[in-house]
Amino acid sequence: MRDWDDRQAIYSQLADRLAGQLLDGDPPEGQAMPSVRTLASRYLLNPLTVGRALQALDDDGLLENRRGLGLFVKPGARERLRQIERERFMQREWPQLRQRLKQLGLTPAQLEWETPT
């Protein structure tokens, strides 16, 4: 398990980790998220921190609360999350990456390479 970065709130980092898992289809759409207790134990975090991370995912429209049953991944959540992450990439990461490529004098053609065997 990765360490937590002191420059960003832990709940936000956990929300990012859980979002990454959702992008990978874990858990699948329509299935229950692990409980707050399970996640708190897995990541060695305070349940309130875990609850805040799950709330962030819910605020993004990825989860639904089924009274008495827990949080479930909404149908379409994976595609919604892809859209959110694409937008974040294009606004935050791509401009920095493009600037770095320019600094290094790299062209798109130079970025294509074969994977070593």
PDB file of N, CA and C in Angstrom:
ATOM      1  N   MET A   1       0.845  -1.178   0.000  1.00  0.00           N
ATOM      2  CA  MET A   1       0.000   0.000   0.000  1.00  0.00           C
ATOM      3  C   MET A   1       0.888   1.238   0.000  1.00  0.00           C
ATOM      4  N   ARG A   2       0.531   2.217  -0.803  1.00  0.00           N
ATOM      5  CA  ARG A   2       1.275   3.467  -0.859  1.00  0.00           C
ATOM      6  C   ARG A   2       1.074   4.259   0.426  1.00  0.00           C
ATOM      7  N   ASP A   3       2.076   5.098   0.718  1.00  0.00           N
ATOM      8  CA  ASP A   3       1.944   6.019   1.835  1.00  0.00           C
ATOM      9  C   ASP A   3       1.066   7.186   1.417  1.00  0.00           C
ATOM     10  N   TRP A   4       0.582   7.906   2.403  1.00  0.00           N
ATOM     11  CA  TRP A   4      -0.246   9.074   2.136  1.00  0.00           C
ATOM     12  C   TRP A   4       0.640  10.292   1.962  1.00  0.00           C
ATOM     13  N   ASP A   5       0.258  11.170   1.065  1.00  0.00           N
ATOM     14  CA  ASP A   5       0.993  12.395   0.762  1.00  0.00           C
ATOM     15  C   ASP A   5       0.497  13.507   1.690  1.00  0.00           C
ATOM     16  N   ASP A   6       1.409  14.140   2.412  1.00  0.00           N
ATOM     17  CA  ASP A   6       1.044  15.192   3.366  1.00  0.00           C
ATOM     18  C   ASP A   6       0.545  16.465   2.697  1.00  0.00           C
ATOM     19  N   ARG A   7       0.732  16.590   1.393  1.00  0.00           N
ATOM     20  CA  ARG A   7       0.334  17.814   0.691  1.00  0.00           C
ATOM     21  C   ARG A   7      -1.130  17.813   0.270  1.00  0.00           C
ATOM     22  N   GLN A   8      -1.825  16.688   0.444  1.00  0.00           N
ATOM     23  CA  GLN A   8      -3.223  16.587   0.029  1.00  0.00           C
ATOM     24  C   GLN A   8      -4.002  15.861   1.128  1.00  0.00           C
ATOM     25  N   ALA A   9      -5.244  16.242   1.314  1.00  0.00           N
ATOM     26  CA  ALA A   9      -6.078  15.612   2.337  1.00  0.00           C
ATOM     27  C   ALA A   9      -6.173  14.104   2.092  1.00  0.00           C
ATOM     28  N   ILE A  10      -6.087  13.323   3.156  1.00  0.00           N
ATOM     29  CA  ILE A  10      -6.106  11.871   3.029  1.00  0.00           C
ATOM     30  C   ILE A  10      -7.421  11.387   2.434  1.00  0.00           C
ATOM     31  N   TYR A  11      -8.540  11.994   2.830  1.00  0.00           N
ATOM     32  CA  TYR A  11      -9.817  11.550   2.275  1.00  0.00           C
ATOM     33  C   TYR A  11      -9.831  11.723   0.762  1.00  0.00           C
ATOM     34  N   SER A  12      -9.210  12.797   0.277  1.00  0.00           N
ATOM     35  CA  SER A  12      -9.162  13.050  -1.159  1.00  0.00           C
ATOM     36  C   SER A  12      -8.284  12.007  -1.864  1.00  0.00           C
ATOM     37  N   GLN A  13      -7.173  11.656  -1.237  1.00  0.00           N
ATOM     38  CA  GLN A  13      -6.306  10.632  -1.801  1.00  0.00           C
ATOM     39  C   GLN A  13      -7.011   9.280  -1.829  1.00  0.00           C
ATOM     40  N   LEU A  14      -7.752   8.972  -0.767  1.00  0.00           N
ATOM     41  CA  LEU A  14      -8.502   7.717  -0.730  1.00  0.00           C
ATOM     42  C   LEU A  14      -9.586   7.731  -1.806  1.00  0.00           C
ATOM     43  N   ALA A  15     -10.274   8.849  -1.957  1.00  0.00           N
ATOM     44  CA  ALA A  15     -11.302   8.957  -2.998  1.00  0.00           C
ATOM     45  C   ALA A  15     -10.678   8.704  -4.372  1.00  0.00           C
ATOM     46  N   ASP A  16      -9.474   9.230  -4.600  1.00  0.00           N
ATOM     47  CA  ASP A  16      -8.780   9.002  -5.872  1.00  0.00           C
ATOM     48  C   ASP A  16      -8.444   7.525  -6.060  1.00  0.00           C
ATOM     49  N   ARG A  17      -7.987   6.875  -5.000  1.00  0.00           N
ATOM     50  CA  ARG A  17      -7.670   5.443  -5.087  1.00  0.00           C
ATOM     51  C   ARG A  17      -8.916   4.622  -5.395  1.00  0.00           C
ATOM     52  N   LEU A  18      -9.999   4.945  -4.688  1.00  0.00           N
ATOM     53  CA  LEU A  18     -11.247   4.213  -4.917  1.00  0.00           C
ATOM     54  C   LEU A  18     -11.777   4.490  -6.319  1.00  0.00           C
ATOM     55  N   ALA A  19     -11.625   5.720  -6.797  1.00  0.00           N
ATOM     56  CA  ALA A  19     -12.046   6.058  -8.160  1.00  0.00           C
ATOM     57  C   ALA A  19     -11.250   5.245  -9.171  1.00  0.00           C
ATOM     58  N   GLY A  20      -9.948   5.094  -8.932  1.00  0.00           N
ATOM     59  CA  GLY A  20      -9.121   4.280  -9.813  1.00  0.00           C
ATOM     60  C   GLY A  20      -9.602   2.840  -9.861  1.00  0.00           C
ATOM     61  N   GLN A  21     -10.006   2.326  -8.724  1.00  0.00           N
ATOM     62  CA  GLN A  21     -10.538   0.963  -8.682  1.00  0.00           C
ATOM     63  C   GLN A  21     -11.853   0.879  -9.439  1.00  0.00           C
ATOM     64  N   LEU A  22     -12.689   1.913  -9.294  1.00  0.00           N
ATOM     65  CA  LEU A  22     -13.959   1.930 -10.032  1.00  0.00           C
ATOM     66  C   LEU A  22     -13.710   1.957 -11.535  1.00  0.00           C
ATOM     67  N   LEU A  23     -12.705   2.716 -11.966  1.00  0.00           N
ATOM     68  CA  LEU A  23     -12.362   2.742 -13.393  1.00  0.00           C
ATOM     69  C   LEU A  23     -11.962   1.357 -13.890  1.00  0.00           C
ATOM     70  N   ASP A  24     -11.333   0.586 -13.010  1.00  0.00           N
ATOM     71  CA  ASP A  24     -10.929  -0.782 -13.354  1.00  0.00           C
ATOM     72  C   ASP A  24     -12.072  -1.784 -13.208  1.00  0.00           C
ATOM     73  N   GLY A  25     -13.243  -1.292 -12.785  1.00  0.00           N
ATOM     74  CA  GLY A  25     -14.406  -2.170 -12.657  1.00  0.00           C
ATOM     75  C   GLY A  25     -14.501  -2.888 -11.325  1.00  0.00           C
ATOM     76  N   ASP A  26     -13.870  -2.361 -10.299  1.00  0.00           N
ATOM     77  CA  ASP A  26     -13.891  -2.997  -8.976  1.00  0.00           C
ATOM     78  C   ASP A  26     -14.385  -2.013  -7.933  1.00  0.00           C
ATOM     79  N   PRO A  27     -15.575  -2.217  -7.408  1.00  0.00           N
ATOM     80  CA  PRO A  27     -16.554  -3.237  -7.769  1.00  0.00           C
ATOM     81  C   PRO A  27     -17.306  -2.845  -9.042  1.00  0.00           C
ATOM     82  N   PRO A  28     -17.916  -3.827  -9.682  1.00  0.00           N
ATOM     83  CA  PRO A  28     -18.679  -3.550 -10.903  1.00  0.00           C
ATOM     84  C   PRO A  28     -19.906  -2.669 -10.621  1.00  0.00           C
ATOM     85  N   GLU A  29     -20.383  -2.021 -11.660  1.00  0.00           N
ATOM     86  CA  GLU A  29     -21.589  -1.200 -11.531  1.00  0.00           C
ATOM     87  C   GLU A  29     -22.733  -2.053 -11.007  1.00  0.00           C
ATOM     88  N   GLY A  30     -23.517  -1.472 -10.109  1.00  0.00           N
ATOM     89  CA  GLY A  30     -24.639  -2.176  -9.513  1.00  0.00           C
ATOM     90  C   GLY A  30     -24.273  -2.971  -8.272  1.00  0.00           C
ATOM     91  N   GLN A  31     -22.997  -3.126  -8.013  1.00  0.00           N
ATOM     92  CA  GLN A  31     -22.546  -3.890  -6.843  1.00  0.00           C
ATOM     93  C   GLN A  31     -22.265  -2.949  -5.674  1.00  0.00           C
ATOM     94  N   ALA A  32     -22.244  -3.524  -4.475  1.00  0.00           N
ATOM     95  CA  ALA A  32     -21.993  -2.743  -3.259  1.00  0.00           C
ATOM     96  C   ALA A  32     -20.528  -2.371  -3.144  1.00  0.00           C
ATOM     97  N   MET A  33     -20.296  -1.181  -2.620  1.00  0.00           N
ATOM     98  CA  MET A  33     -18.949  -0.768  -2.231  1.00  0.00           C
ATOM     99  C   MET A  33     -18.616  -1.479  -0.921  1.00  0.00           C
ATOM    100  N   PRO A  34     -17.323  -1.672  -0.653  1.00  0.00           N
ATOM    101  CA  PRO A  34     -16.968  -2.203   0.667  1.00  0.00           C
ATOM    102  C   PRO A  34     -17.472  -1.244   1.749  1.00  0.00           C
ATOM    103  N   SER A  35     -17.756  -1.771   2.905  1.00  0.00           N
ATOM    104  CA  SER A  35     -18.273  -0.947   3.993  1.00  0.00           C
ATOM    105  C   SER A  35     -17.205   0.015   4.499  1.00  0.00           C
ATOM    106  N   VAL A  36     -17.652   1.028   5.221  1.00  0.00           N
ATOM    107  CA  VAL A  36     -16.727   1.989   5.822  1.00  0.00           C
ATOM    108  C   VAL A  36     -15.751   1.255   6.730  1.00  0.00           C
ATOM    109  N   ARG A  37     -16.250   0.337   7.536  1.00  0.00           N
ATOM    110  CA  ARG A  37     -15.381  -0.426   8.443  1.00  0.00           C
ATOM    111  C   ARG A  37     -14.340  -1.228   7.677  1.00  0.00           C
ATOM    112  N   THR A  38     -14.761  -1.871   6.612  1.00  0.00           N
ATOM    113  CA  THR A  38     -13.831  -2.668   5.802  1.00  0.00           C
ATOM    114  C   THR A  38     -12.739  -1.782   5.215  1.00  0.00           C
ATOM    115  N   LEU A  39     -13.129  -0.649   4.640  1.00  0.00           N
ATOM    116  CA  LEU A  39     -12.156   0.256   4.041  1.00  0.00           C
ATOM    117  C   LEU A  39     -11.242   0.871   5.104  1.00  0.00           C
ATOM    118  N   ALA A  40     -11.815   1.228   6.250  1.00  0.00           N
ATOM    119  CA  ALA A  40     -11.001   1.796   7.330  1.00  0.00           C
ATOM    120  C   ALA A  40      -9.947   0.794   7.784  1.00  0.00           C
ATOM    121  N   SER A  41     -10.330  -0.445   7.873  1.00  0.00           N
ATOM    122  CA  SER A  41      -9.396  -1.499   8.277  1.00  0.00           C
ATOM    123  C   SER A  41      -8.346  -1.742   7.192  1.00  0.00           C
ATOM    124  N   ARG A  42      -8.775  -1.794   5.948  1.00  0.00           N
ATOM    125  CA  ARG A  42      -7.875  -2.061   4.825  1.00  0.00           C
ATOM    126  C   ARG A  42      -6.806  -0.975   4.692  1.00  0.00           C
ATOM    127  N   TYR A  43      -7.226   0.281   4.848  1.00  0.00           N
ATOM    128  CA  TYR A  43      -6.301   1.399   4.638  1.00  0.00           C
ATOM    129  C   TYR A  43      -5.766   1.988   5.951  1.00  0.00           C
ATOM    130  N   LEU A  44      -6.148   1.390   7.075  1.00  0.00           N
ATOM    131  CA  LEU A  44      -5.700   1.852   8.395  1.00  0.00           C
ATOM    132  C   LEU A  44      -6.027   3.326   8.608  1.00  0.00           C
ATOM    133  N   LEU A  45      -7.305   3.661   8.359  1.00  0.00           N
ATOM    134  CA  LEU A  45      -7.770   5.037   8.477  1.00  0.00           C
ATOM    135  C   LEU A  45      -8.951   5.132   9.428  1.00  0.00           C
ATOM    136  N   ASN A  46      -9.184   6.330   9.903  1.00  0.00           N
ATOM    137  CA  ASN A  46     -10.345   6.626  10.730  1.00  0.00           C
ATOM    138  C   ASN A  46     -11.604   6.461   9.864  1.00  0.00           C
ATOM    139  N   PRO A  47     -12.641   5.826  10.398  1.00  0.00           N
ATOM    140  CA  PRO A  47     -13.887   5.673   9.622  1.00  0.00           C
ATOM    141  C   PRO A  47     -14.471   6.999   9.127  1.00  0.00           C
ATOM    142  N   LEU A  48     -14.255   8.088   9.866  1.00  0.00           N
ATOM    143  CA  LEU A  48     -14.762   9.389   9.412  1.00  0.00           C
ATOM    144  C   LEU A  48     -14.045   9.832   8.132  1.00  0.00           C
ATOM    145  N   THR A  49     -12.759   9.543   8.032  1.00  0.00           N
ATOM    146  CA  THR A  49     -11.995   9.865   6.828  1.00  0.00           C
ATOM    147  C   THR A  49     -12.510   9.058   5.647  1.00  0.00           C
ATOM    148  N   VAL A  50     -12.764   7.779   5.890  1.00  0.00           N
ATOM    149  CA  VAL A  50     -13.304   6.903   4.841  1.00  0.00           C
ATOM    150  C   VAL A  50     -14.680   7.396   4.402  1.00  0.00           C
ATOM    151  N   GLY A  51     -15.516   7.751   5.377  1.00  0.00           N
ATOM    152  CA  GLY A  51     -16.851   8.256   5.058  1.00  0.00           C
ATOM    153  C   GLY A  51     -16.795   9.507   4.202  1.00  0.00           C
ATOM    154  N   ARG A  52     -15.831  10.354   4.481  1.00  0.00           N
ATOM    155  CA  ARG A  52     -15.679  11.583   3.693  1.00  0.00           C
ATOM    156  C   ARG A  52     -15.246  11.262   2.258  1.00  0.00           C
ATOM    157  N   ALA A  53     -14.367  10.267   2.101  1.00  0.00           N
ATOM    158  CA  ALA A  53     -13.939   9.849   0.759  1.00  0.00           C
ATOM    159  C   ALA A  53     -15.122   9.295  -0.029  1.00  0.00           C
ATOM    160  N   LEU A  54     -15.924   8.457   0.612  1.00  0.00           N
ATOM    161  CA  LEU A  54     -17.099   7.896  -0.056  1.00  0.00           C
ATOM    162  C   LEU A  54     -18.103   8.989  -0.403  1.00  0.00           C
ATOM    163  N   GLN A  55     -18.217   9.984   0.485  1.00  0.00           N
ATOM    164  CA  GLN A  55     -19.123  11.104   0.212  1.00  0.00           C
ATOM    165  C   GLN A  55     -18.663  11.877  -1.024  1.00  0.00           C
ATOM    166  N   ALA A  56     -17.357  12.013  -1.187  1.00  0.00           N
ATOM    167  CA  ALA A  56     -16.812  12.703  -2.370  1.00  0.00           C
ATOM    168  C   ALA A  56     -17.199  11.952  -3.648  1.00  0.00           C
ATOM    169  N   LEU A  57     -17.122  10.622  -3.607  1.00  0.00           N
ATOM    170  CA  LEU A  57     -17.524   9.822  -4.776  1.00  0.00           C
ATOM    171  C   LEU A  57     -19.024   9.940  -5.023  1.00  0.00           C
ATOM    172  N   ASP A  58     -19.778   9.982  -3.945  1.00  0.00           N
ATOM    173  CA  ASP A  58     -21.229  10.151  -4.055  1.00  0.00           C
ATOM    174  C   ASP A  58     -21.550  11.527  -4.642  1.00  0.00           C
ATOM    175  N   ASP A  59     -20.826  12.548  -4.194  1.00  0.00           N
ATOM    176  CA  ASP A  59     -21.035  13.906  -4.717  1.00  0.00           C
ATOM    177  C   ASP A  59     -20.752  13.981  -6.209  1.00  0.00           C
ATOM    178  N   ASP A  60     -19.852  13.131  -6.694  1.00  0.00           N
ATOM    179  CA  ASP A  60     -19.539  13.088  -8.126  1.00  0.00           C
ATOM    180  C   ASP A  60     -20.565  12.272  -8.905  1.00  0.00           C
ATOM    181  N   GLY A  61     -21.575  11.747  -8.221  1.00  0.00           N
ATOM    182  CA  GLY A  61     -22.632  10.996  -8.897  1.00  0.00           C
ATOM    183  C   GLY A  61     -22.264   9.565  -9.229  1.00  0.00           C
ATOM    184  N   LEU A  62     -21.305   9.001  -8.496  1.00  0.00           N
ATOM    185  CA  LEU A  62     -20.835   7.647  -8.794  1.00  0.00           C
ATOM    186  C   LEU A  62     -21.490   6.578  -7.933  1.00  0.00           C
ATOM    187  N   LEU A  63     -21.986   6.976  -6.779  1.00  0.00           N
ATOM    188  CA  LEU A  63     -22.553   6.014  -5.829  1.00  0.00           C
ATOM    189  C   LEU A  63     -23.979   6.375  -5.488  1.00  0.00           C
ATOM    190  N   GLU A  64     -24.702   5.376  -5.016  1.00  0.00           N
ATOM    191  CA  GLU A  64     -26.047   5.627  -4.509  1.00  0.00           C
ATOM    192  C   GLU A  64     -26.188   4.911  -3.174  1.00  0.00           C
ATOM    193  N   ASN A  65     -26.873   5.575  -2.260  1.00  0.00           N
ATOM    194  CA  ASN A  65     -27.089   5.019  -0.930  1.00  0.00           C
ATOM    195  C   ASN A  65     -28.420   4.280  -0.924  1.00  0.00           C
ATOM    196  N   ARG A  66     -28.355   2.996  -0.677  1.00  0.00           N
ATOM    197  CA  ARG A  66     -29.581   2.199  -0.548  1.00  0.00           C
ATOM    198  C   ARG A  66     -29.821   1.984   0.935  1.00  0.00           C
ATOM    199  N   ARG A  67     -30.843   2.638   1.410  1.00  0.00           N
ATOM    200  CA  ARG A  67     -31.152   2.659   2.841  1.00  0.00           C
ATOM    201  C   ARG A  67     -31.124   1.247   3.430  1.00  0.00           C
ATOM    202  N   GLY A  68     -30.294   1.088   4.452  1.00  0.00           N
ATOM    203  CA  GLY A  68     -30.186  -0.186   5.143  1.00  0.00           C
ATOM    204  C   GLY A  68     -29.281  -1.206   4.460  1.00  0.00           C
ATOM    205  N   LEU A  69     -28.831  -0.900   3.242  1.00  0.00           N
ATOM    206  CA  LEU A  69     -27.997  -1.849   2.501  1.00  0.00           C
ATOM    207  C   LEU A  69     -26.574  -1.347   2.278  1.00  0.00           C
ATOM    208  N   GLY A  70     -26.401  -0.033   2.210  1.00  0.00           N
ATOM    209  CA  GLY A  70     -25.072   0.528   1.996  1.00  0.00           C
ATOM    210  C   GLY A  70     -24.976   1.301   0.700  1.00  0.00           C
ATOM    211  N   LEU A  71     -23.745   1.576   0.294  1.00  0.00           N
ATOM    212  CA  LEU A  71     -23.472   2.324  -0.930  1.00  0.00           C
ATOM    213  C   LEU A  71     -23.218   1.376  -2.082  1.00  0.00           C
ATOM    214  N   PHE A  72     -23.814   1.688  -3.219  1.00  0.00           N
ATOM    215  CA  PHE A  72     -23.678   0.870  -4.416  1.00  0.00           C
ATOM    216  C   PHE A  72     -23.162   1.727  -5.557  1.00  0.00           C
ATOM    217  N   VAL A  73     -22.436   1.085  -6.462  1.00  0.00           N
ATOM    218  CA  VAL A  73     -21.920   1.774  -7.646  1.00  0.00           C
ATOM    219  C   VAL A  73     -23.087   1.967  -8.617  1.00  0.00           C
ATOM    220  N   LYS A  74     -23.317   3.210  -8.993  1.00  0.00           N
ATOM    221  CA  LYS A  74     -24.425   3.518  -9.899  1.00  0.00           C
ATOM    222  C   LYS A  74     -24.153   2.977 -11.300  1.00  0.00           C
ATOM    223  N   PRO A  75     -25.210   2.549 -11.987  1.00  0.00           N
ATOM    224  CA  PRO A  75     -25.044   2.221 -13.404  1.00  0.00           C
ATOM    225  C   PRO A  75     -24.557   3.466 -14.152  1.00  0.00           C
ATOM    226  N   GLY A  76     -23.589   3.295 -15.019  1.00  0.00           N
ATOM    227  CA  GLY A  76     -23.022   4.408 -15.764  1.00  0.00           C
ATOM    228  C   GLY A  76     -21.916   5.141 -15.020  1.00  0.00           C
ATOM    229  N   ALA A  77     -21.601   4.702 -13.798  1.00  0.00           N
ATOM    230  CA  ALA A  77     -20.594   5.384 -12.986  1.00  0.00           C
ATOM    231  C   ALA A  77     -19.216   5.335 -13.636  1.00  0.00           C
ATOM    232  N   ARG A  78     -18.889   4.223 -14.237  1.00  0.00           N
ATOM    233  CA  ARG A  78     -17.560   4.084 -14.844  1.00  0.00           C
ATOM    234  C   ARG A  78     -17.360   5.089 -15.974  1.00  0.00           C
ATOM    235  N   GLU A  79     -18.367   5.235 -16.830  1.00  0.00           N
ATOM    236  CA  GLU A  79     -18.270   6.196 -17.930  1.00  0.00           C
ATOM    237  C   GLU A  79     -18.274   7.620 -17.388  1.00  0.00           C
ATOM    238  N   ARG A  80     -19.084   7.889 -16.386  1.00  0.00           N
ATOM    239  CA  ARG A  80     -19.103   9.225 -15.752  1.00  0.00           C
ATOM    240  C   ARG A  80     -17.727   9.544 -15.177  1.00  0.00           C
ATOM    241  N   LEU A  81     -17.124   8.565 -14.516  1.00  0.00           N
ATOM    242  CA  LEU A  81     -15.806   8.762 -13.933  1.00  0.00           C
ATOM    243  C   LEU A  81     -14.750   8.980 -15.009  1.00  0.00           C
ATOM    244  N   ARG A  82     -14.866   8.251 -16.112  1.00  0.00           N
ATOM    245  CA  ARG A  82     -13.945   8.476 -17.237  1.00  0.00           C
ATOM    246  C   ARG A  82     -14.026   9.911 -17.728  1.00  0.00           C
ATOM    247  N   GLN A  83     -15.238  10.429 -17.851  1.00  0.00           N
ATOM    248  CA  GLN A  83     -15.424  11.814 -18.300  1.00  0.00           C
ATOM    249  C   GLN A  83     -14.790  12.792 -17.316  1.00  0.00           C
ATOM    250  N   ILE A  84     -15.000  12.557 -16.021  1.00  0.00           N
ATOM    251  CA  ILE A  84     -14.419  13.422 -14.986  1.00  0.00           C
ATOM    252  C   ILE A  84     -12.898  13.385 -15.062  1.00  0.00           C
ATOM    253  N   GLU A  85     -12.348  12.173 -15.178  1.00  0.00           N
ATOM    254  CA  GLU A  85     -10.891  12.018 -15.205  1.00  0.00           C
ATOM    255  C   GLU A  85     -10.278  12.565 -16.494  1.00  0.00           C
ATOM    256  N   ARG A  86     -10.971  12.408 -17.614  1.00  0.00           N
ATOM    257  CA  ARG A  86     -10.482  12.987 -18.871  1.00  0.00           C
ATOM    258  C   ARG A  86     -10.417  14.502 -18.770  1.00  0.00           C
ATOM    259  N   GLU A  87     -11.469  15.096 -18.216  1.00  0.00           N
ATOM    260  CA  GLU A  87     -11.510  16.544 -18.062  1.00  0.00           C
ATOM    261  C   GLU A  87     -10.392  17.009 -17.121  1.00  0.00           C
ATOM    262  N   ARG A  88     -10.203  16.310 -16.024  1.00  0.00           N
ATOM    263  CA  ARG A  88      -9.139  16.647 -15.077  1.00  0.00           C
ATOM    264  C   ARG A  88      -7.773  16.543 -15.760  1.00  0.00           C
ATOM    265  N   PHE A  89      -7.575  15.480 -16.530  1.00  0.00           N
ATOM    266  CA  PHE A  89      -6.308  15.298 -17.239  1.00  0.00           C
ATOM    267  C   PHE A  89      -6.059  16.445 -18.209  1.00  0.00           C
ATOM    268  N   MET A  90      -7.074  16.776 -18.994  1.00  0.00           N
ATOM    269  CA  MET A  90      -6.906  17.812 -20.010  1.00  0.00           C
ATOM    270  C   MET A  90      -6.673  19.190 -19.384  1.00  0.00           C
ATOM    271  N   GLN A  91      -7.270  19.443 -18.242  1.00  0.00           N
ATOM    272  CA  GLN A  91      -7.133  20.758 -17.616  1.00  0.00           C
ATOM    273  C   GLN A  91      -5.885  20.877 -16.751  1.00  0.00           C
ATOM    274  N   ARG A  92      -5.497  19.805 -16.076  1.00  0.00           N
ATOM    275  CA  ARG A  92      -4.399  19.899 -15.111  1.00  0.00           C
ATOM    276  C   ARG A  92      -3.108  19.249 -15.595  1.00  0.00           C
ATOM    277  N   GLU A  93      -3.197  18.016 -16.060  1.00  0.00           N
ATOM    278  CA  GLU A  93      -1.993  17.258 -16.354  1.00  0.00           C
ATOM    279  C   GLU A  93      -1.454  17.505 -17.761  1.00  0.00           C
ATOM    280  N   TRP A  94      -2.335  17.547 -18.747  1.00  0.00           N
ATOM    281  CA  TRP A  94      -1.876  17.679 -20.129  1.00  0.00           C
ATOM    282  C   TRP A  94      -1.078  18.956 -20.377  1.00  0.00           C
ATOM    283  N   PRO A  95      -1.527  20.116 -19.890  1.00  0.00           N
ATOM    284  CA  PRO A  95      -0.718  21.321 -20.134  1.00  0.00           C
ATOM    285  C   PRO A  95       0.705  21.205 -19.564  1.00  0.00           C
ATOM    286  N   GLN A  96       0.839  20.613 -18.399  1.00  0.00           N
ATOM    287  CA  GLN A  96       2.167  20.423 -17.806  1.00  0.00           C
ATOM    288  C   GLN A  96       2.982  19.427 -18.617  1.00  0.00           C
ATOM    289  N   LEU A  97       2.340  18.357 -19.037  1.00  0.00           N
ATOM    290  CA  LEU A  97       3.026  17.343 -19.832  1.00  0.00           C
ATOM    291  C   LEU A  97       3.449  17.914 -21.187  1.00  0.00           C
ATOM    292  N   ARG A  98       2.559  18.662 -21.813  1.00  0.00           N
ATOM    293  CA  ARG A  98       2.877  19.273 -23.099  1.00  0.00           C
ATOM    294  C   ARG A  98       4.065  20.225 -22.967  1.00  0.00           C
ATOM    295  N   GLN A  99       4.081  21.018 -21.891  1.00  0.00           N
ATOM    296  CA  GLN A  99       5.197  21.929 -21.654  1.00  0.00           C
ATOM    297  C   GLN A  99       6.500  21.167 -21.441  1.00  0.00           C
ATOM    298  N   ARG A 100       6.445  20.063 -20.714  1.00  0.00           N
ATOM    299  CA  ARG A 100       7.648  19.254 -20.460  1.00  0.00           C
ATOM    300  C   ARG A 100       8.169  18.636 -21.759  1.00  0.00           C
ATOM    301  N   LEU A 101       7.262  18.145 -22.598  1.00  0.00           N
ATOM    302  CA  LEU A 101       7.667  17.591 -23.891  1.00  0.00           C
ATOM    303  C   LEU A 101       8.349  18.653 -24.747  1.00  0.00           C
ATOM    304  N   LYS A 102       7.803  19.849 -24.710  1.00  0.00           N
ATOM    305  CA  LYS A 102       8.382  20.959 -25.470  1.00  0.00           C
ATOM    306  C   LYS A 102       9.788  21.270 -24.946  1.00  0.00           C
ATOM    307  N   GLN A 103       9.934  21.290 -23.621  1.00  0.00           N
ATOM    308  CA  GLN A 103      11.247  21.561 -23.026  1.00  0.00           C
ATOM    309  C   GLN A 103      12.280  20.523 -23.451  1.00  0.00           C
ATOM    310  N   LEU A 104      11.837  19.267 -23.559  1.00  0.00           N
ATOM    311  CA  LEU A 104      12.749  18.182 -23.910  1.00  0.00           C
ATOM    312  C   LEU A 104      12.929  18.024 -25.414  1.00  0.00           C
ATOM    313  N   GLY A 105      12.149  18.765 -26.195  1.00  0.00           N
ATOM    314  CA  GLY A 105      12.251  18.681 -27.644  1.00  0.00           C
ATOM    315  C   GLY A 105      11.728  17.369 -28.199  1.00  0.00           C
ATOM    316  N   LEU A 106      10.742  16.799 -27.536  1.00  0.00           N
ATOM    317  CA  LEU A 106      10.163  15.533 -27.989  1.00  0.00           C
ATOM    318  C   LEU A 106       8.952  15.778 -28.869  1.00  0.00           C
ATOM    319  N   THR A 107       8.840  14.992 -29.938  1.00  0.00           N
ATOM    320  CA  THR A 107       7.700  15.068 -30.844  1.00  0.00           C
ATOM    321  C   THR A 107       6.792  13.865 -30.597  1.00  0.00           C
ATOM    322  N   PRO A 108       5.542  13.922 -31.057  1.00  0.00           N
ATOM    323  CA  PRO A 108       4.660  12.769 -30.887  1.00  0.00           C
ATOM    324  C   PRO A 108       5.238  11.481 -31.475  1.00  0.00           C
ATOM    325  N   ALA A 109       5.917  11.581 -32.603  1.00  0.00           N
ATOM    326  CA  ALA A 109       6.503  10.395 -33.228  1.00  0.00           C
ATOM    327  C   ALA A 109       7.563   9.762 -32.333  1.00  0.00           C
ATOM    328  N   GLN A 110       8.276  10.582 -31.600  1.00  0.00           N
ATOM    329  CA  GLN A 110       9.319  10.064 -30.714  1.00  0.00           C
ATOM    330  C   GLN A 110       8.746   9.375 -29.475  1.00  0.00           C
ATOM    331  N   LEU A 111       7.504   9.634 -29.192  1.00  0.00           N
ATOM    332  CA  LEU A 111       6.874   9.031 -28.016  1.00  0.00           C
ATOM    333  C   LEU A 111       6.423   7.599 -28.275  1.00  0.00           C
ATOM    334  N   GLU A 112       6.328   7.211 -29.509  1.00  0.00           N
ATOM    335  CA  GLU A 112       5.920   5.851 -29.841  1.00  0.00           C
ATOM    336  C   GLU A 112       7.141   4.952 -29.816  1.00  0.00           C
ATOM    337  N   TRP A 113       7.056   3.882 -29.051  1.00  0.00           N
ATOM    338  CA  TRP A 113       8.152   2.936 -28.982  1.00  0.00           C
ATOM    339  C   TRP A 113       7.589   1.547 -28.768  1.00  0.00           C
ATOM    340  N   GLU A 114       8.403   0.606 -29.075  1.00  0.00           N
ATOM    341  CA  GLU A 114       7.992  -0.784 -28.878  1.00  0.00           C
ATOM    342  C   GLU A 114       8.347  -1.177 -27.458  1.00  0.00           C
ATOM    343  N   THR A 115       7.503  -1.997 -26.869  1.00  0.00           N
ATOM    344  CA  THR A 115       7.809  -2.485 -25.537  1.00  0.00           C
ATOM    345  C   THR A 115       8.898  -3.538 -25.630  1.00  0.00           C
ATOM    346  N   PRO A 116       9.864  -3.517 -24.722  1.00  0.00           N
ATOM    347  CA  PRO A 116      10.939  -4.500 -24.767  1.00  0.00           C
ATOM    348  C   PRO A 116      10.398  -5.903 -24.556  1.00  0.00           C
ATOM    349  N   THR A 117      11.025  -6.864 -25.198  1.00  0.00           N
ATOM    350  CA  THR A 117      10.591  -8.262 -25.034  1.00  0.00           C
ATOM    351  C   THR A 117      11.483  -8.994 -24.072  1.00  0.00           C
TER     352      THR A 117
END
